[in-house]
Amino acid sequence: MRTTMAYDPRKRSRPQGGLMASIGGSVLGLLQTIGALMVTLRDALGSVFTPGAAARATVRRIMLMQILFTGFEAVTLVSIMGLLVGATLIIQTRLVMPGSGGELLGKILVTVVLRELAPLTTAVIVSSRSGTAIATELGNMKANSEVAALSAMGIDPPRFIVLPRLIGAAVSVIILMIYFSAVAIVGGYLVSGLIAAPNFSALQAGFATALAAPVFEYRPGRRGPVPGDLASD
């Protein structure tokens, strides 16, 4: 398409830079985004100390609704994922190590589920399920000028929009993580009872061993402390 203008409006007005300019622009944009998020987080956390009994009641009600949406409504999905993870872990362990006993199965369940998979899986479920919904809701509020309307009425948006969702999501993740760990361990125990029939006392001993904090013992002839159970005379 020909044009009589001195420049083509379909092209970018800024001159194209090289690779370093592109990387620098991306880094600056990322830093600006992180800075804006930190400012929003600071304003939301600072609004906790803002006076107003009615405002606190409203924030508490929104926070409980967020916990209900993020935590309680995700119990079914977390239960299914926990059962599948626990069962799959036991089945794969029995396939790799056919002669594994109950104590080893208990150690593997606690080590893999409690320390690794439970926080990661719960965070992925909450971010993919509730994070998308929260982002869509806030985007619609921004597009419909609801945030500007709250500011015009003297209502603090970080206090009534950001703070309840932040606390609700954090509390929901912690509760769902504990629930996921319990469901995965129970599911793994049930499956292990079907395919291996381990002794419950051996499983309990494996749980206790994996959950116990490591004990370090200092030996003068060594460069640093070593675990007490591995130290030798």
Protein backbone atom coordinates (compact mmCIF):
# COMPACT_ATOMS: atom_id res chain seq x y z
CA MET A 1 0.00 0.00 0.00
CA ARG A 2 1.42 3.36 -1.04
CA THR A 3 1.33 6.29 1.33
CA THR A 4 1.92 10.02 0.98
CA MET A 5 3.17 10.35 4.57
CA ALA A 6 6.84 10.91 5.26
CA TYR A 7 6.98 7.63 7.19
CA ASP A 8 5.11 4.37 7.28
CA PRO A 9 2.92 4.22 10.45
CA ARG A 10 2.94 0.43 10.31
CA LYS A 11 6.63 0.41 11.20
CA ARG A 12 8.03 1.08 14.64
CA SER A 13 9.03 4.68 15.18
CA ARG A 14 12.05 3.71 17.26
CA PRO A 15 15.14 2.53 15.43
CA GLN A 16 15.91 -1.13 15.74
CA GLY A 17 18.92 -1.86 17.94
CA GLY A 18 21.23 -4.80 18.08
CA LEU A 19 21.26 -7.86 20.29
CA MET A 20 22.61 -6.02 23.34
CA ALA A 21 19.94 -3.35 23.03
CA SER A 22 17.24 -6.01 22.88
CA ILE A 23 18.63 -7.80 25.93
CA GLY A 24 19.00 -4.53 27.82
CA GLY A 25 15.42 -3.51 27.02
CA SER A 26 14.12 -6.88 28.20
CA VAL A 27 16.09 -6.65 31.44
CA LEU A 28 14.90 -3.10 32.10
CA GLY A 29 11.31 -4.11 31.44
CA LEU A 30 11.67 -7.05 33.82
CA LEU A 31 13.16 -4.84 36.52
CA GLN A 32 10.33 -2.32 36.13
CA THR A 33 7.75 -5.09 36.45
CA ILE A 34 9.44 -6.49 39.57
CA GLY A 35 9.65 -3.00 41.05
CA ALA A 36 5.94 -2.39 40.43
CA LEU A 37 5.09 -5.73 42.04
CA MET A 38 7.22 -4.91 45.07
CA VAL A 39 5.50 -1.54 45.45
CA THR A 40 2.08 -3.22 45.26
CA LEU A 41 3.15 -5.81 47.84
CA ARG A 42 4.48 -3.07 50.14
CA ASP A 43 1.22 -1.13 49.90
CA ALA A 44 -0.85 -4.25 50.53
CA LEU A 45 1.15 -5.32 53.58
CA GLY A 46 1.27 -1.76 54.90
CA SER A 47 -2.52 -1.52 54.74
CA VAL A 48 -2.77 -4.13 57.53
CA PHE A 49 -2.12 -1.40 60.09
CA THR A 50 -4.65 1.01 58.58
CA PRO A 51 -7.44 1.81 61.08
CA GLY A 52 -11.10 1.04 60.48
CA ALA A 53 -13.14 -1.78 62.07
CA ALA A 54 -15.64 -1.96 59.21
CA ALA A 55 -12.83 -2.13 56.67
CA ARG A 56 -11.18 -4.97 58.59
CA ALA A 57 -14.44 -6.91 58.62
CA THR A 58 -14.81 -6.46 54.87
CA VAL A 59 -11.23 -7.54 54.20
CA ARG A 60 -11.70 -10.56 56.46
CA ARG A 61 -14.85 -11.58 54.59
CA ILE A 62 -13.12 -11.28 51.20
CA MET A 63 -10.17 -13.27 52.53
CA LEU A 64 -12.43 -16.10 53.75
CA MET A 65 -14.15 -16.20 50.36
CA GLN A 66 -10.74 -16.41 48.69
CA ILE A 67 -9.71 -19.29 50.97
CA LEU A 68 -12.98 -21.04 50.12
CA PHE A 69 -12.38 -20.63 46.39
CA THR A 70 -8.64 -21.36 46.38
CA GLY A 71 -8.46 -24.01 49.09
CA PHE A 72 -11.74 -25.78 49.71
CA GLU A 73 -12.86 -26.03 46.09
CA ALA A 74 -9.49 -27.52 45.11
CA VAL A 75 -9.69 -30.39 47.64
CA THR A 76 -11.04 -32.86 45.06
CA LEU A 77 -8.26 -32.17 42.57
CA VAL A 78 -5.59 -32.26 45.27
CA SER A 79 -6.98 -35.57 46.60
CA ILE A 80 -6.83 -37.19 43.17
CA MET A 81 -3.30 -35.91 42.55
CA GLY A 82 -2.14 -37.03 45.99
CA LEU A 83 -3.51 -40.54 45.58
CA LEU A 84 -1.97 -40.87 42.13
CA VAL A 85 1.41 -39.57 43.28
CA GLY A 86 1.55 -41.84 46.33
CA ALA A 87 0.42 -44.92 44.43
CA THR A 88 2.76 -44.27 41.49
CA LEU A 89 5.70 -43.72 43.80
CA ILE A 90 5.18 -47.04 45.58
CA ILE A 91 4.62 -48.96 42.35
CA GLN A 92 7.74 -47.53 40.73
CA THR A 93 9.78 -48.25 43.85
CA ARG A 94 8.63 -51.87 43.89
CA LEU A 95 9.47 -52.23 40.19
CA VAL A 96 12.97 -50.82 40.62
CA MET A 97 13.68 -52.50 43.98
CA PRO A 98 11.52 -55.62 44.31
CA GLY A 99 12.94 -56.57 47.70
CA SER A 100 12.39 -53.19 49.38
CA GLY A 101 10.94 -53.42 52.87
CA GLY A 102 8.43 -51.30 54.72
CA GLU A 103 11.02 -49.05 56.34
CA LEU A 104 12.53 -48.14 52.97
CA LEU A 105 9.08 -47.46 51.51
CA GLY A 106 8.30 -45.17 54.43
CA LYS A 107 11.55 -43.26 53.94
CA ILE A 108 10.89 -42.83 50.22
CA LEU A 109 7.32 -41.63 50.79
CA VAL A 110 8.33 -39.01 53.32
CA THR A 111 11.46 -37.88 51.49
CA VAL A 112 9.92 -37.55 48.05
CA VAL A 113 6.36 -36.48 48.90
CA LEU A 114 6.80 -34.37 52.03
CA ARG A 115 9.99 -32.58 51.03
CA GLU A 116 9.74 -32.35 47.25
CA LEU A 117 6.45 -33.13 45.53
CA ALA A 118 3.93 -31.74 48.01
CA PRO A 119 5.06 -28.08 47.89
CA LEU A 120 5.75 -28.15 44.15
CA THR A 121 2.54 -29.91 43.11
CA THR A 122 0.36 -27.81 45.40
CA ALA A 123 1.89 -24.57 44.14
CA VAL A 124 1.38 -25.66 40.52
CA ILE A 125 -2.26 -26.59 41.17
CA VAL A 126 -3.03 -23.31 42.94
CA SER A 127 -1.21 -21.15 40.40
CA SER A 128 -2.78 -22.85 37.40
CA ARG A 129 -6.29 -23.06 38.84
CA SER A 130 -6.71 -20.01 41.07
CA GLY A 131 -3.94 -17.78 39.74
CA THR A 132 -5.50 -17.62 36.30
CA ALA A 133 -8.92 -16.85 37.76
CA ILE A 134 -7.54 -14.09 40.00
CA ALA A 135 -5.60 -12.54 37.11
CA THR A 136 -8.72 -12.59 34.92
CA GLU A 137 -10.83 -11.04 37.66
CA LEU A 138 -8.35 -8.25 38.31
CA GLY A 139 -7.96 -7.64 34.57
CA ASN A 140 -11.73 -7.25 34.19
CA MET A 141 -11.84 -4.88 37.16
CA LYS A 142 -9.08 -2.80 35.59
CA ALA A 143 -10.75 -2.79 32.17
CA ASN A 144 -14.13 -1.81 33.63
CA SER A 145 -12.53 1.03 35.65
CA GLU A 146 -13.62 -0.56 38.93
CA VAL A 147 -10.20 0.05 40.48
CA ALA A 148 -10.39 3.73 39.55
CA ALA A 149 -13.90 3.86 40.99
CA LEU A 150 -12.69 2.43 44.30
CA SER A 151 -9.92 5.03 44.44
CA ALA A 152 -12.42 7.80 43.63
CA MET A 153 -14.61 6.70 46.54
CA GLY A 154 -11.65 6.81 48.93
CA ILE A 155 -11.24 3.02 49.15
CA ASP A 156 -7.68 1.71 49.17
CA PRO A 157 -7.37 -0.83 46.28
CA PRO A 158 -4.32 -2.67 47.70
CA ARG A 159 -6.19 -3.22 50.95
CA PHE A 160 -9.46 -4.45 49.46
CA ILE A 161 -8.16 -6.15 46.29
CA VAL A 162 -4.57 -7.33 46.79
CA LEU A 163 -4.31 -8.11 50.52
CA PRO A 164 -7.25 -10.55 50.87
CA ARG A 165 -6.24 -12.53 47.79
CA LEU A 166 -2.59 -12.60 48.84
CA ILE A 167 -3.32 -13.91 52.34
CA GLY A 168 -6.03 -16.27 51.10
CA ALA A 169 -3.77 -17.83 48.48
CA ALA A 170 -0.86 -18.22 50.94
CA VAL A 171 -3.03 -19.86 53.61
CA SER A 172 -4.66 -22.13 51.03
CA VAL A 173 -1.28 -23.29 49.69
CA ILE A 174 -0.06 -24.21 53.18
CA ILE A 175 -3.25 -26.12 54.06
CA LEU A 176 -3.39 -27.90 50.71
CA MET A 177 0.27 -28.86 50.99
CA ILE A 178 -0.35 -30.57 54.34
CA TYR A 179 -3.47 -32.25 52.99
CA PHE A 180 -1.67 -33.39 49.82
CA SER A 181 1.12 -34.94 51.90
CA ALA A 182 -1.37 -36.83 54.10
CA VAL A 183 -3.36 -38.12 51.12
CA ALA A 184 -0.23 -39.17 49.22
CA ILE A 185 1.19 -41.04 52.22
CA VAL A 186 -2.13 -42.80 52.93
CA GLY A 187 -2.53 -43.68 49.26
CA GLY A 188 1.01 -45.01 49.08
CA TYR A 189 0.45 -47.09 52.21
CA LEU A 190 -2.76 -48.59 50.80
CA VAL A 191 -1.11 -49.48 47.51
CA SER A 192 1.94 -50.91 49.28
CA GLY A 193 -0.41 -53.06 51.35
CA LEU A 194 -1.88 -54.49 48.16
CA ILE A 195 1.36 -55.25 46.32
CA ALA A 196 3.89 -55.68 49.12
CA ALA A 197 1.95 -56.09 52.41
CA PRO A 198 4.59 -54.31 54.54
CA ASN A 199 4.46 -54.22 58.30
CA PHE A 200 2.92 -51.01 59.63
CA SER A 201 5.55 -50.75 62.35
CA ALA A 202 8.26 -50.87 59.69
CA LEU A 203 6.53 -48.13 57.72
CA GLN A 204 6.19 -46.07 60.88
CA ALA A 205 9.88 -46.54 61.61
CA GLY A 206 10.70 -45.37 58.09
CA PHE A 207 8.48 -42.29 58.57
CA ALA A 208 10.17 -41.45 61.87
CA THR A 209 13.65 -41.91 60.42
CA ALA A 210 12.95 -39.70 57.42
CA LEU A 211 11.26 -36.98 59.50
CA ALA A 212 13.97 -36.87 62.17
CA ALA A 213 16.44 -34.01 61.97
CA PRO A 214 20.05 -35.06 61.23
CA VAL A 215 22.30 -35.19 64.29
CA PHE A 216 25.78 -33.79 63.78
CA GLU A 217 28.69 -34.77 65.94
CA TYR A 218 31.96 -32.85 66.08
CA ARG A 219 35.18 -34.83 65.97
CA PRO A 220 38.46 -32.97 66.73
CA GLY A 221 40.41 -34.79 64.03
CA ARG A 222 38.01 -33.77 61.25
CA ARG A 223 37.61 -30.52 59.35
CA GLY A 224 33.95 -30.09 60.25
CA PRO A 225 30.95 -31.74 61.87
CA VAL A 226 29.70 -34.99 60.39
CA PRO A 227 26.38 -36.80 60.92
CA GLY A 228 26.46 -38.82 64.10
CA ASP A 229 25.06 -41.94 62.51
CA LEU A 230 27.82 -41.92 59.88
CA ALA A 231 30.74 -41.05 62.18
CA SER A 232 33.12 -43.86 62.91
CA ASP A 233 35.87 -44.18 65.45
